[in-house]
Amino acid sequence: MNQKNIACFIDGDNISGNDYELIIKELKKDGRVINQRLYGDFSKNNTTSNWEKAVNQFGIQSIQVFRSPKKESTDNSMIVDAMTFLNWDSNIDIYALITSDSDFSSRSEEHTSE
């Protein structure tokens, strides 16, 4: 059986570092995680302290994303990197965007009709 390779892109602004081990455990059911990137504004104390242990313990690559006037700064960085990997690394079989952010949803509440 060929094991699938997984690239994991984590929204550190919306996901807690305390949930990291559970997330990785679930991903490993589908394959092996060969790339882990964490995105967030680490100049904010809550994001830094929330993820510091996991970054140091598990070798997660952290990507600093300063907040711009648009709140989607982190989301946009994740998407651009995922698309870059899609074109650049043919060894990745599964792309996991880890977020609790509704910005990645195909339908938002404000666009739904009743």
PDB file of N, CA and C in Angstrom:
ATOM      1  N   MET A   1       0.840  -1.183   0.000  1.00  0.00           N
ATOM      2  CA  MET A   1       0.000   0.000   0.000  1.00  0.00           C
ATOM      3  C   MET A   1       0.882   1.242   0.000  1.00  0.00           C
ATOM      4  N   ASN A   2       0.630   2.136  -0.918  1.00  0.00           N
ATOM      5  CA  ASN A   2       1.380   3.385  -1.003  1.00  0.00           C
ATOM      6  C   ASN A   2       0.820   4.393  -0.015  1.00  0.00           C
ATOM      7  N   GLN A   3       1.677   4.909   0.830  1.00  0.00           N
ATOM      8  CA  GLN A   3       1.232   5.902   1.796  1.00  0.00           C
ATOM      9  C   GLN A   3       1.173   7.270   1.117  1.00  0.00           C
ATOM     10  N   LYS A   4       0.103   8.014   1.357  1.00  0.00           N
ATOM     11  CA  LYS A   4      -0.070   9.335   0.760  1.00  0.00           C
ATOM     12  C   LYS A   4       0.712  10.376   1.550  1.00  0.00           C
ATOM     13  N   ASN A   5       1.264  11.353   0.828  1.00  0.00           N
ATOM     14  CA  ASN A   5       1.990  12.461   1.439  1.00  0.00           C
ATOM     15  C   ASN A   5       1.047  13.644   1.634  1.00  0.00           C
ATOM     16  N   ILE A   6       1.129  14.247   2.822  1.00  0.00           N
ATOM     17  CA  ILE A   6       0.218  15.330   3.189  1.00  0.00           C
ATOM     18  C   ILE A   6       1.001  16.607   3.463  1.00  0.00           C
ATOM     19  N   ALA A   7       0.509  17.714   2.915  1.00  0.00           N
ATOM     20  CA  ALA A   7       1.008  19.049   3.252  1.00  0.00           C
ATOM     21  C   ALA A   7      -0.064  19.707   4.107  1.00  0.00           C
ATOM     22  N   CYS A   8       0.355  20.232   5.236  1.00  0.00           N
ATOM     23  CA  CYS A   8      -0.568  20.783   6.226  1.00  0.00           C
ATOM     24  C   CYS A   8      -0.318  22.286   6.376  1.00  0.00           C
ATOM     25  N   PHE A   9      -1.358  23.071   6.153  1.00  0.00           N
ATOM     26  CA  PHE A   9      -1.298  24.523   6.264  1.00  0.00           C
ATOM     27  C   PHE A   9      -2.238  24.933   7.396  1.00  0.00           C
ATOM     28  N   ILE A  10      -1.680  25.460   8.487  1.00  0.00           N
ATOM     29  CA  ILE A  10      -2.450  25.720   9.705  1.00  0.00           C
ATOM     30  C   ILE A  10      -2.658  27.215   9.908  1.00  0.00           C
ATOM     31  N   ASP A  11      -3.892  27.600  10.139  1.00  0.00           N
ATOM     32  CA  ASP A  11      -4.267  28.982  10.435  1.00  0.00           C
ATOM     33  C   ASP A  11      -4.100  29.214  11.940  1.00  0.00           C
ATOM     34  N   GLY A  12      -2.941  29.705  12.345  1.00  0.00           N
ATOM     35  CA  GLY A  12      -2.637  29.909  13.758  1.00  0.00           C
ATOM     36  C   GLY A  12      -3.448  31.009  14.409  1.00  0.00           C
ATOM     37  N   ASP A  13      -4.087  31.846  13.607  1.00  0.00           N
ATOM     38  CA  ASP A  13      -4.951  32.891  14.159  1.00  0.00           C
ATOM     39  C   ASP A  13      -6.298  32.330  14.597  1.00  0.00           C
ATOM     40  N   ASN A  14      -6.670  31.175  14.055  1.00  0.00           N
ATOM     41  CA  ASN A  14      -7.984  30.600  14.348  1.00  0.00           C
ATOM     42  C   ASN A  14      -7.952  29.218  14.984  1.00  0.00           C
ATOM     43  N   ILE A  15      -6.801  28.580  14.999  1.00  0.00           N
ATOM     44  CA  ILE A  15      -6.668  27.250  15.586  1.00  0.00           C
ATOM     45  C   ILE A  15      -5.704  27.340  16.768  1.00  0.00           C
ATOM     46  N   SER A  16      -6.036  26.668  17.851  1.00  0.00           N
ATOM     47  CA  SER A  16      -5.196  26.673  19.042  1.00  0.00           C
ATOM     48  C   SER A  16      -4.066  25.657  18.924  1.00  0.00           C
ATOM     49  N   GLY A  17      -2.897  26.035  19.395  1.00  0.00           N
ATOM     50  CA  GLY A  17      -1.769  25.114  19.450  1.00  0.00           C
ATOM     51  C   GLY A  17      -2.057  23.907  20.330  1.00  0.00           C
ATOM     52  N   ASN A  18      -2.987  24.049  21.250  1.00  0.00           N
ATOM     53  CA  ASN A  18      -3.372  22.931  22.120  1.00  0.00           C
ATOM     54  C   ASN A  18      -4.046  21.808  21.336  1.00  0.00           C
ATOM     55  N   ASP A  19      -4.569  22.108  20.154  1.00  0.00           N
ATOM     56  CA  ASP A  19      -5.253  21.114  19.326  1.00  0.00           C
ATOM     57  C   ASP A  19      -4.334  20.453  18.312  1.00  0.00           C
ATOM     58  N   TYR A  20      -3.093  20.857  18.264  1.00  0.00           N
ATOM     59  CA  TYR A  20      -2.165  20.392  17.233  1.00  0.00           C
ATOM     60  C   TYR A  20      -2.030  18.866  17.200  1.00  0.00           C
ATOM     61  N   GLU A  21      -1.773  18.261  18.347  1.00  0.00           N
ATOM     62  CA  GLU A  21      -1.532  16.813  18.357  1.00  0.00           C
ATOM     63  C   GLU A  21      -2.757  16.031  17.883  1.00  0.00           C
ATOM     64  N   LEU A  22      -3.932  16.482  18.238  1.00  0.00           N
ATOM     65  CA  LEU A  22      -5.155  15.830  17.772  1.00  0.00           C
ATOM     66  C   LEU A  22      -5.297  15.970  16.256  1.00  0.00           C
ATOM     67  N   ILE A  23      -5.004  17.150  15.736  1.00  0.00           N
ATOM     68  CA  ILE A  23      -5.093  17.397  14.296  1.00  0.00           C
ATOM     69  C   ILE A  23      -4.137  16.480  13.532  1.00  0.00           C
ATOM     70  N   ILE A  24      -2.895  16.430  13.981  1.00  0.00           N
ATOM     71  CA  ILE A  24      -1.894  15.605  13.293  1.00  0.00           C
ATOM     72  C   ILE A  24      -2.249  14.123  13.390  1.00  0.00           C
ATOM     73  N   LYS A  25      -2.753  13.713  14.541  1.00  0.00           N
ATOM     74  CA  LYS A  25      -3.182  12.314  14.711  1.00  0.00           C
ATOM     75  C   LYS A  25      -4.244  11.951  13.671  1.00  0.00           C
ATOM     76  N   GLU A  26      -5.203  12.848  13.452  1.00  0.00           N
ATOM     77  CA  GLU A  26      -6.247  12.609  12.456  1.00  0.00           C
ATOM     78  C   GLU A  26      -5.671  12.580  11.043  1.00  0.00           C
ATOM     79  N   LEU A  27      -4.773  13.507  10.739  1.00  0.00           N
ATOM     80  CA  LEU A  27      -4.173  13.536   9.403  1.00  0.00           C
ATOM     81  C   LEU A  27      -3.371  12.272   9.121  1.00  0.00           C
ATOM     82  N   LYS A  28      -2.691  11.759  10.128  1.00  0.00           N
ATOM     83  CA  LYS A  28      -1.856  10.572   9.940  1.00  0.00           C
ATOM     84  C   LYS A  28      -2.674   9.322   9.619  1.00  0.00           C
ATOM     85  N   LYS A  29      -3.968   9.368   9.835  1.00  0.00           N
ATOM     86  CA  LYS A  29      -4.838   8.261   9.429  1.00  0.00           C
ATOM     87  C   LYS A  29      -4.903   8.160   7.908  1.00  0.00           C
ATOM     88  N   ASP A  30      -4.654   9.281   7.228  1.00  0.00           N
ATOM     89  CA  ASP A  30      -4.720   9.320   5.765  1.00  0.00           C
ATOM     90  C   ASP A  30      -3.364   9.254   5.080  1.00  0.00           C
ATOM     91  N   GLY A  31      -2.278   9.357   5.834  1.00  0.00           N
ATOM     92  CA  GLY A  31      -0.957   9.328   5.225  1.00  0.00           C
ATOM     93  C   GLY A  31       0.082   9.889   6.163  1.00  0.00           C
ATOM     94  N   ARG A  32       1.190  10.317   5.590  1.00  0.00           N
ATOM     95  CA  ARG A  32       2.258  10.906   6.409  1.00  0.00           C
ATOM     96  C   ARG A  32       2.383  12.392   6.096  1.00  0.00           C
ATOM     97  N   VAL A  33       2.525  13.158   7.155  1.00  0.00           N
ATOM     98  CA  VAL A  33       2.621  14.605   7.019  1.00  0.00           C
ATOM     99  C   VAL A  33       4.075  14.943   6.718  1.00  0.00           C
ATOM    100  N   ILE A  34       4.326  15.448   5.508  1.00  0.00           N
ATOM    101  CA  ILE A  34       5.708  15.745   5.107  1.00  0.00           C
ATOM    102  C   ILE A  34       6.011  17.238   5.126  1.00  0.00           C
ATOM    103  N   ASN A  35       4.975  18.048   5.263  1.00  0.00           N
ATOM    104  CA  ASN A  35       5.184  19.485   5.311  1.00  0.00           C
ATOM    105  C   ASN A  35       4.145  20.089   6.245  1.00  0.00           C
ATOM    106  N   GLN A  36       4.611  20.909   7.201  1.00  0.00           N
ATOM    107  CA  GLN A  36       3.718  21.576   8.144  1.00  0.00           C
ATOM    108  C   GLN A  36       4.073  23.049   8.197  1.00  0.00           C
ATOM    109  N   ARG A  37       3.115  23.880   7.883  1.00  0.00           N
ATOM    110  CA  ARG A  37       3.332  25.323   7.945  1.00  0.00           C
ATOM    111  C   ARG A  37       2.243  25.948   8.802  1.00  0.00           C
ATOM    112  N   LEU A  38       2.680  26.832   9.662  1.00  0.00           N
ATOM    113  CA  LEU A  38       1.781  27.540  10.570  1.00  0.00           C
ATOM    114  C   LEU A  38       1.798  29.011  10.221  1.00  0.00           C
ATOM    115  N   TYR A  39       0.640  29.594   9.981  1.00  0.00           N
ATOM    116  CA  TYR A  39       0.514  30.993   9.577  1.00  0.00           C
ATOM    117  C   TYR A  39      -0.157  31.776  10.690  1.00  0.00           C
ATOM    118  N   GLY A  40       0.383  32.961  10.968  1.00  0.00           N
ATOM    119  CA  GLY A  40      -0.251  33.808  11.963  1.00  0.00           C
ATOM    120  C   GLY A  40       0.559  35.050  12.233  1.00  0.00           C
ATOM    121  N   ASP A  41      -0.044  35.935  12.998  1.00  0.00           N
ATOM    122  CA  ASP A  41       0.638  37.155  13.414  1.00  0.00           C
ATOM    123  C   ASP A  41       1.274  36.886  14.773  1.00  0.00           C
ATOM    124  N   PHE A  42       2.523  36.476  14.748  1.00  0.00           N
ATOM    125  CA  PHE A  42       3.231  36.087  15.969  1.00  0.00           C
ATOM    126  C   PHE A  42       3.736  37.289  16.750  1.00  0.00           C
ATOM    127  N   SER A  43       3.449  38.480  16.251  1.00  0.00           N
ATOM    128  CA  SER A  43       3.759  39.678  17.031  1.00  0.00           C
ATOM    129  C   SER A  43       2.694  39.883  18.107  1.00  0.00           C
ATOM    130  N   LYS A  44       1.585  39.148  17.994  1.00  0.00           N
ATOM    131  CA  LYS A  44       0.523  39.184  18.996  1.00  0.00           C
ATOM    132  C   LYS A  44       0.793  38.092  20.030  1.00  0.00           C
ATOM    133  N   ASN A  45       0.837  38.455  21.286  1.00  0.00           N
ATOM    134  CA  ASN A  45       1.202  37.510  22.350  1.00  0.00           C
ATOM    135  C   ASN A  45       0.310  36.277  22.393  1.00  0.00           C
ATOM    136  N   ASN A  46      -0.984  36.427  22.144  1.00  0.00           N
ATOM    137  CA  ASN A  46      -1.861  35.259  22.234  1.00  0.00           C
ATOM    138  C   ASN A  46      -1.518  34.212  21.179  1.00  0.00           C
ATOM    139  N   THR A  47      -1.159  34.610  19.979  1.00  0.00           N
ATOM    140  CA  THR A  47      -0.787  33.650  18.940  1.00  0.00           C
ATOM    141  C   THR A  47       0.559  33.010  19.259  1.00  0.00           C
ATOM    142  N   THR A  48       1.520  33.805  19.693  1.00  0.00           N
ATOM    143  CA  THR A  48       2.860  33.284  19.992  1.00  0.00           C
ATOM    144  C   THR A  48       2.827  32.265  21.116  1.00  0.00           C
ATOM    145  N   SER A  49       2.234  32.615  22.242  1.00  0.00           N
ATOM    146  CA  SER A  49       2.233  31.702  23.389  1.00  0.00           C
ATOM    147  C   SER A  49       1.400  30.465  23.108  1.00  0.00           C
ATOM    148  N   ASN A  50       0.392  30.600  22.283  1.00  0.00           N
ATOM    149  CA  ASN A  50      -0.489  29.507  21.942  1.00  0.00           C
ATOM    150  C   ASN A  50       0.216  28.421  21.124  1.00  0.00           C
ATOM    151  N   TRP A  51       1.183  28.789  20.323  1.00  0.00           N
ATOM    152  CA  TRP A  51       1.833  27.864  19.398  1.00  0.00           C
ATOM    153  C   TRP A  51       3.291  27.572  19.695  1.00  0.00           C
ATOM    154  N   GLU A  52       3.915  28.291  20.592  1.00  0.00           N
ATOM    155  CA  GLU A  52       5.360  28.164  20.806  1.00  0.00           C
ATOM    156  C   GLU A  52       5.795  26.737  21.125  1.00  0.00           C
ATOM    157  N   LYS A  53       5.108  26.064  22.008  1.00  0.00           N
ATOM    158  CA  LYS A  53       5.480  24.694  22.400  1.00  0.00           C
ATOM    159  C   LYS A  53       5.412  23.740  21.200  1.00  0.00           C
ATOM    160  N   ALA A  54       4.311  23.782  20.462  1.00  0.00           N
ATOM    161  CA  ALA A  54       4.144  22.873  19.321  1.00  0.00           C
ATOM    162  C   ALA A  54       5.180  23.138  18.237  1.00  0.00           C
ATOM    163  N   VAL A  55       5.452  24.411  17.962  1.00  0.00           N
ATOM    164  CA  VAL A  55       6.449  24.762  16.936  1.00  0.00           C
ATOM    165  C   VAL A  55       7.811  24.201  17.313  1.00  0.00           C
ATOM    166  N   ASN A  56       8.202  24.389  18.555  1.00  0.00           N
ATOM    167  CA  ASN A  56       9.510  23.903  19.006  1.00  0.00           C
ATOM    168  C   ASN A  56       9.570  22.390  19.109  1.00  0.00           C
ATOM    169  N   GLN A  57       8.512  21.769  19.561  1.00  0.00           N
ATOM    170  CA  GLN A  57       8.516  20.319  19.777  1.00  0.00           C
ATOM    171  C   GLN A  57       8.391  19.522  18.480  1.00  0.00           C
ATOM    172  N   PHE A  58       7.618  20.032  17.521  1.00  0.00           N
ATOM    173  CA  PHE A  58       7.310  19.243  16.330  1.00  0.00           C
ATOM    174  C   PHE A  58       7.913  19.793  15.040  1.00  0.00           C
ATOM    175  N   GLY A  59       8.711  20.841  15.126  1.00  0.00           N
ATOM    176  CA  GLY A  59       9.390  21.366  13.949  1.00  0.00           C
ATOM    177  C   GLY A  59       8.482  21.947  12.893  1.00  0.00           C
ATOM    178  N   ILE A  60       7.450  22.604  13.328  1.00  0.00           N
ATOM    179  CA  ILE A  60       6.515  23.244  12.399  1.00  0.00           C
ATOM    180  C   ILE A  60       7.162  24.525  11.883  1.00  0.00           C
ATOM    181  N   GLN A  61       7.079  24.745  10.593  1.00  0.00           N
ATOM    182  CA  GLN A  61       7.603  25.991  10.033  1.00  0.00           C
ATOM    183  C   GLN A  61       6.566  27.084  10.251  1.00  0.00           C
ATOM    184  N   SER A  62       6.962  28.129  10.952  1.00  0.00           N
ATOM    185  CA  SER A  62       6.022  29.220  11.215  1.00  0.00           C
ATOM    186  C   SER A  62       6.251  30.359  10.226  1.00  0.00           C
ATOM    187  N   ILE A  63       5.166  30.876   9.700  1.00  0.00           N
ATOM    188  CA  ILE A  63       5.181  31.947   8.706  1.00  0.00           C
ATOM    189  C   ILE A  63       4.520  33.176   9.330  1.00  0.00           C
ATOM    190  N   GLN A  64       5.297  34.232   9.513  1.00  0.00           N
ATOM    191  CA  GLN A  64       4.770  35.476  10.080  1.00  0.00           C
ATOM    192  C   GLN A  64       3.924  36.205   9.044  1.00  0.00           C
ATOM    193  N   VAL A  65       2.695  36.516   9.424  1.00  0.00           N
ATOM    194  CA  VAL A  65       1.799  37.267   8.555  1.00  0.00           C
ATOM    195  C   VAL A  65       1.267  38.455   9.359  1.00  0.00           C
ATOM    196  N   PHE A  66       1.802  39.630   9.098  1.00  0.00           N
ATOM    197  CA  PHE A  66       1.310  40.822   9.776  1.00  0.00           C
ATOM    198  C   PHE A  66      -0.087  41.138   9.275  1.00  0.00           C
ATOM    199  N   ARG A  67      -0.926  41.536  10.179  1.00  0.00           N
ATOM    200  CA  ARG A  67      -2.303  41.864   9.794  1.00  0.00           C
ATOM    201  C   ARG A  67      -2.313  43.158   8.984  1.00  0.00           C
ATOM    202  N   SER A  68      -2.988  43.079   7.866  1.00  0.00           N
ATOM    203  CA  SER A  68      -3.186  44.278   7.057  1.00  0.00           C
ATOM    204  C   SER A  68      -4.596  44.775   7.350  1.00  0.00           C
ATOM    205  N   PRO A  69      -4.972  45.884   6.774  1.00  0.00           N
ATOM    206  CA  PRO A  69      -6.339  46.363   7.002  1.00  0.00           C
ATOM    207  C   PRO A  69      -7.400  45.312   6.667  1.00  0.00           C
ATOM    208  N   LYS A  70      -7.075  44.415   5.760  1.00  0.00           N
ATOM    209  CA  LYS A  70      -8.004  43.317   5.456  1.00  0.00           C
ATOM    210  C   LYS A  70      -7.719  42.181   6.420  1.00  0.00           C
ATOM    211  N   LYS A  71      -8.751  41.609   7.003  1.00  0.00           N
ATOM    212  CA  LYS A  71      -8.560  40.560   7.993  1.00  0.00           C
ATOM    213  C   LYS A  71      -8.116  39.229   7.399  1.00  0.00           C
ATOM    214  N   GLU A  72      -8.184  39.069   6.095  1.00  0.00           N
ATOM    215  CA  GLU A  72      -7.862  37.788   5.466  1.00  0.00           C
ATOM    216  C   GLU A  72      -6.374  37.601   5.179  1.00  0.00           C
ATOM    217  N   SER A  73      -5.501  38.362   5.786  1.00  0.00           N
ATOM    218  CA  SER A  73      -4.066  38.280   5.492  1.00  0.00           C
ATOM    219  C   SER A  73      -3.532  36.868   5.652  1.00  0.00           C
ATOM    220  N   THR A  74      -3.869  36.226   6.768  1.00  0.00           N
ATOM    221  CA  THR A  74      -3.394  34.866   7.021  1.00  0.00           C
ATOM    222  C   THR A  74      -3.991  33.896   6.011  1.00  0.00           C
ATOM    223  N   ASP A  75      -5.287  34.002   5.774  1.00  0.00           N
ATOM    224  CA  ASP A  75      -5.954  33.116   4.816  1.00  0.00           C
ATOM    225  C   ASP A  75      -5.319  33.220   3.433  1.00  0.00           C
ATOM    226  N   ASN A  76      -5.070  34.445   2.993  1.00  0.00           N
ATOM    227  CA  ASN A  76      -4.474  34.654   1.670  1.00  0.00           C
ATOM    228  C   ASN A  76      -3.080  34.053   1.576  1.00  0.00           C
ATOM    229  N   SER A  77      -2.283  34.183   2.615  1.00  0.00           N
ATOM    230  CA  SER A  77      -0.937  33.596   2.614  1.00  0.00           C
ATOM    231  C   SER A  77      -1.001  32.073   2.529  1.00  0.00           C
ATOM    232  N   MET A  78      -1.933  31.488   3.263  1.00  0.00           N
ATOM    233  CA  MET A  78      -2.106  30.030   3.214  1.00  0.00           C
ATOM    234  C   MET A  78      -2.480  29.573   1.809  1.00  0.00           C
ATOM    235  N   ILE A  79      -3.420  30.271   1.189  1.00  0.00           N
ATOM    236  CA  ILE A  79      -3.891  29.889  -0.142  1.00  0.00           C
ATOM    237  C   ILE A  79      -2.778  30.012  -1.174  1.00  0.00           C
ATOM    238  N   VAL A  80      -2.044  31.104  -1.131  1.00  0.00           N
ATOM    239  CA  VAL A  80      -0.958  31.308  -2.090  1.00  0.00           C
ATOM    240  C   VAL A  80       0.095  30.211  -1.933  1.00  0.00           C
ATOM    241  N   ASP A  81       0.473  29.895  -0.696  1.00  0.00           N
ATOM    242  CA  ASP A  81       1.463  28.836  -0.484  1.00  0.00           C
ATOM    243  C   ASP A  81       0.936  27.477  -0.928  1.00  0.00           C
ATOM    244  N   ALA A  82      -0.323  27.177  -0.634  1.00  0.00           N
ATOM    245  CA  ALA A  82      -0.888  25.894  -1.060  1.00  0.00           C
ATOM    246  C   ALA A  82      -0.877  25.790  -2.589  1.00  0.00           C
ATOM    247  N   MET A  83      -1.233  26.866  -3.282  1.00  0.00           N
ATOM    248  CA  MET A  83      -1.210  26.856  -4.741  1.00  0.00           C
ATOM    249  C   MET A  83       0.214  26.731  -5.282  1.00  0.00           C
ATOM    250  N   THR A  84       1.168  27.363  -4.607  1.00  0.00           N
ATOM    251  CA  THR A  84       2.572  27.244  -5.006  1.00  0.00           C
ATOM    252  C   THR A  84       3.034  25.800  -4.879  1.00  0.00           C
ATOM    253  N   PHE A  85       2.707  25.158  -3.744  1.00  0.00           N
ATOM    254  CA  PHE A  85       3.078  23.757  -3.551  1.00  0.00           C
ATOM    255  C   PHE A  85       2.394  22.862  -4.581  1.00  0.00           C
ATOM    256  N   LEU A  86       1.157  23.184  -4.904  1.00  0.00           N
ATOM    257  CA  LEU A  86       0.409  22.388  -5.884  1.00  0.00           C
ATOM    258  C   LEU A  86       1.147  22.341  -7.216  1.00  0.00           C
ATOM    259  N   ASN A  87       1.730  23.452  -7.604  1.00  0.00           N
ATOM    260  CA  ASN A  87       2.461  23.523  -8.870  1.00  0.00           C
ATOM    261  C   ASN A  87       3.921  23.128  -8.757  1.00  0.00           C
ATOM    262  N   TRP A  88       4.450  23.138  -7.553  1.00  0.00           N
ATOM    263  CA  TRP A  88       5.889  23.007  -7.336  1.00  0.00           C
ATOM    264  C   TRP A  88       6.301  21.635  -6.824  1.00  0.00           C
ATOM    265  N   ASP A  89       5.446  20.967  -6.064  1.00  0.00           N
ATOM    266  CA  ASP A  89       5.832  19.711  -5.416  1.00  0.00           C
ATOM    267  C   ASP A  89       4.869  18.591  -5.799  1.00  0.00           C
ATOM    268  N   SER A  90       5.282  17.759  -6.722  1.00  0.00           N
ATOM    269  CA  SER A  90       4.422  16.669  -7.197  1.00  0.00           C
ATOM    270  C   SER A  90       4.363  15.498  -6.216  1.00  0.00           C
ATOM    271  N   ASN A  91       5.121  15.558  -5.121  1.00  0.00           N
ATOM    272  CA  ASN A  91       5.103  14.481  -4.132  1.00  0.00           C
ATOM    273  C   ASN A  91       3.945  14.593  -3.152  1.00  0.00           C
ATOM    274  N   ILE A  92       3.205  15.682  -3.179  1.00  0.00           N
ATOM    275  CA  ILE A  92       2.116  15.879  -2.228  1.00  0.00           C
ATOM    276  C   ILE A  92       0.816  15.367  -2.840  1.00  0.00           C
ATOM    277  N   ASP A  93       0.143  14.491  -2.078  1.00  0.00           N
ATOM    278  CA  ASP A  93      -1.116  13.904  -2.529  1.00  0.00           C
ATOM    279  C   ASP A  93      -2.334  14.577  -1.899  1.00  0.00           C
ATOM    280  N   ILE A  94      -2.174  15.054  -0.661  1.00  0.00           N
ATOM    281  CA  ILE A  94      -3.289  15.641   0.086  1.00  0.00           C
ATOM    282  C   ILE A  94      -2.863  17.002   0.623  1.00  0.00           C
ATOM    283  N   TYR A  95      -3.719  17.988   0.437  1.00  0.00           N
ATOM    284  CA  TYR A  95      -3.505  19.336   0.976  1.00  0.00           C
ATOM    285  C   TYR A  95      -4.528  19.558   2.079  1.00  0.00           C
ATOM    286  N   ALA A  96      -4.059  19.815   3.286  1.00  0.00           N
ATOM    287  CA  ALA A  96      -4.947  20.041   4.420  1.00  0.00           C
ATOM    288  C   ALA A  96      -4.841  21.492   4.863  1.00  0.00           C
ATOM    289  N   LEU A  97      -5.943  22.239   4.740  1.00  0.00           N
ATOM    290  CA  LEU A  97      -6.019  23.597   5.254  1.00  0.00           C
ATOM    291  C   LEU A  97      -6.724  23.495   6.602  1.00  0.00           C
ATOM    292  N   ILE A  98      -5.978  23.742   7.672  1.00  0.00           N
ATOM    293  CA  ILE A  98      -6.506  23.590   9.023  1.00  0.00           C
ATOM    294  C   ILE A  98      -6.915  24.964   9.539  1.00  0.00           C
ATOM    295  N   THR A  99      -8.211  25.176   9.655  1.00  0.00           N
ATOM    296  CA  THR A  99      -8.738  26.463  10.084  1.00  0.00           C
ATOM    297  C   THR A  99     -10.153  26.280  10.613  1.00  0.00           C
ATOM    298  N   SER A 100     -10.575  27.196  11.429  1.00  0.00           N
ATOM    299  CA  SER A 100     -11.980  27.213  11.844  1.00  0.00           C
ATOM    300  C   SER A 100     -12.666  28.424  11.222  1.00  0.00           C
ATOM    301  N   ASP A 101     -12.015  29.016  10.279  1.00  0.00           N
ATOM    302  CA  ASP A 101     -12.441  30.258   9.649  1.00  0.00           C
ATOM    303  C   ASP A 101     -13.468  29.981   8.554  1.00  0.00           C
ATOM    304  N   SER A 102     -14.575  30.689   8.577  1.00  0.00           N
ATOM    305  CA  SER A 102     -15.609  30.478   7.558  1.00  0.00           C
ATOM    306  C   SER A 102     -15.238  31.101   6.211  1.00  0.00           C
ATOM    307  N   ASP A 103     -14.115  31.825   6.142  1.00  0.00           N
ATOM    308  CA  ASP A 103     -13.706  32.431   4.873  1.00  0.00           C
ATOM    309  C   ASP A 103     -13.412  31.388   3.799  1.00  0.00           C
ATOM    310  N   PHE A 104     -13.186  30.138   4.194  1.00  0.00           N
ATOM    311  CA  PHE A 104     -12.892  29.088   3.227  1.00  0.00           C
ATOM    312  C   PHE A 104     -14.144  28.340   2.780  1.00  0.00           C
ATOM    313  N   SER A 105     -15.282  28.705   3.324  1.00  0.00           N
ATOM    314  CA  SER A 105     -16.543  28.056   3.004  1.00  0.00           C
ATOM    315  C   SER A 105     -17.033  28.520   1.642  1.00  0.00           C
ATOM    316  N   SER A 106     -17.696  27.629   0.919  1.00  0.00           N
ATOM    317  CA  SER A 106     -18.218  28.007  -0.390  1.00  0.00           C
ATOM    318  C   SER A 106     -19.496  28.828  -0.264  1.00  0.00           C
ATOM    319  N   ARG A 107     -20.143  28.728   0.869  1.00  0.00           N
ATOM    320  CA  ARG A 107     -21.361  29.511   1.109  1.00  0.00           C
ATOM    321  C   ARG A 107     -21.232  30.202   2.454  1.00  0.00           C
ATOM    322  N   SER A 108     -21.513  31.456   2.479  1.00  0.00           N
ATOM    323  CA  SER A 108     -21.527  32.165   3.743  1.00  0.00           C
ATOM    324  C   SER A 108     -22.962  32.508   4.100  1.00  0.00           C
ATOM    325  N   GLU A 109     -23.200  32.747   5.367  1.00  0.00           N
ATOM    326  CA  GLU A 109     -24.560  33.033   5.827  1.00  0.00           C
ATOM    327  C   GLU A 109     -25.147  34.254   5.145  1.00  0.00           C
ATOM    328  N   GLU A 110     -24.318  35.244   4.862  1.00  0.00           N
ATOM    329  CA  GLU A 110     -24.843  36.465   4.271  1.00  0.00           C
ATOM    330  C   GLU A 110     -25.278  36.273   2.825  1.00  0.00           C
ATOM    331  N   HIS A 111     -24.854  35.170   2.189  1.00  0.00           N
ATOM    332  CA  HIS A 111     -25.223  34.923   0.789  1.00  0.00           C
ATOM    333  C   HIS A 111     -26.286  33.854   0.633  1.00  0.00           C
ATOM    334  N   THR A 112     -26.736  33.266   1.717  1.00  0.00           N
ATOM    335  CA  THR A 112     -27.733  32.220   1.607  1.00  0.00           C
ATOM    336  C   THR A 112     -29.123  32.835   1.547  1.00  0.00           C
ATOM    337  N   SER A 113     -30.007  32.174   0.864  1.00  0.00           N
ATOM    338  CA  SER A 113     -31.387  32.651   0.810  1.00  0.00           C
ATOM    339  C   SER A 113     -32.274  31.641   1.520  1.00  0.00           C
ATOM    340  N   GLU A 114     -33.359  32.132   2.057  1.00  0.00           N
ATOM    341  CA  GLU A 114     -34.271  31.241   2.784  1.00  0.00           C
ATOM    342  C   GLU A 114     -35.513  30.990   2.008  1.00  0.00           C
TER     343      GLU A 114
END
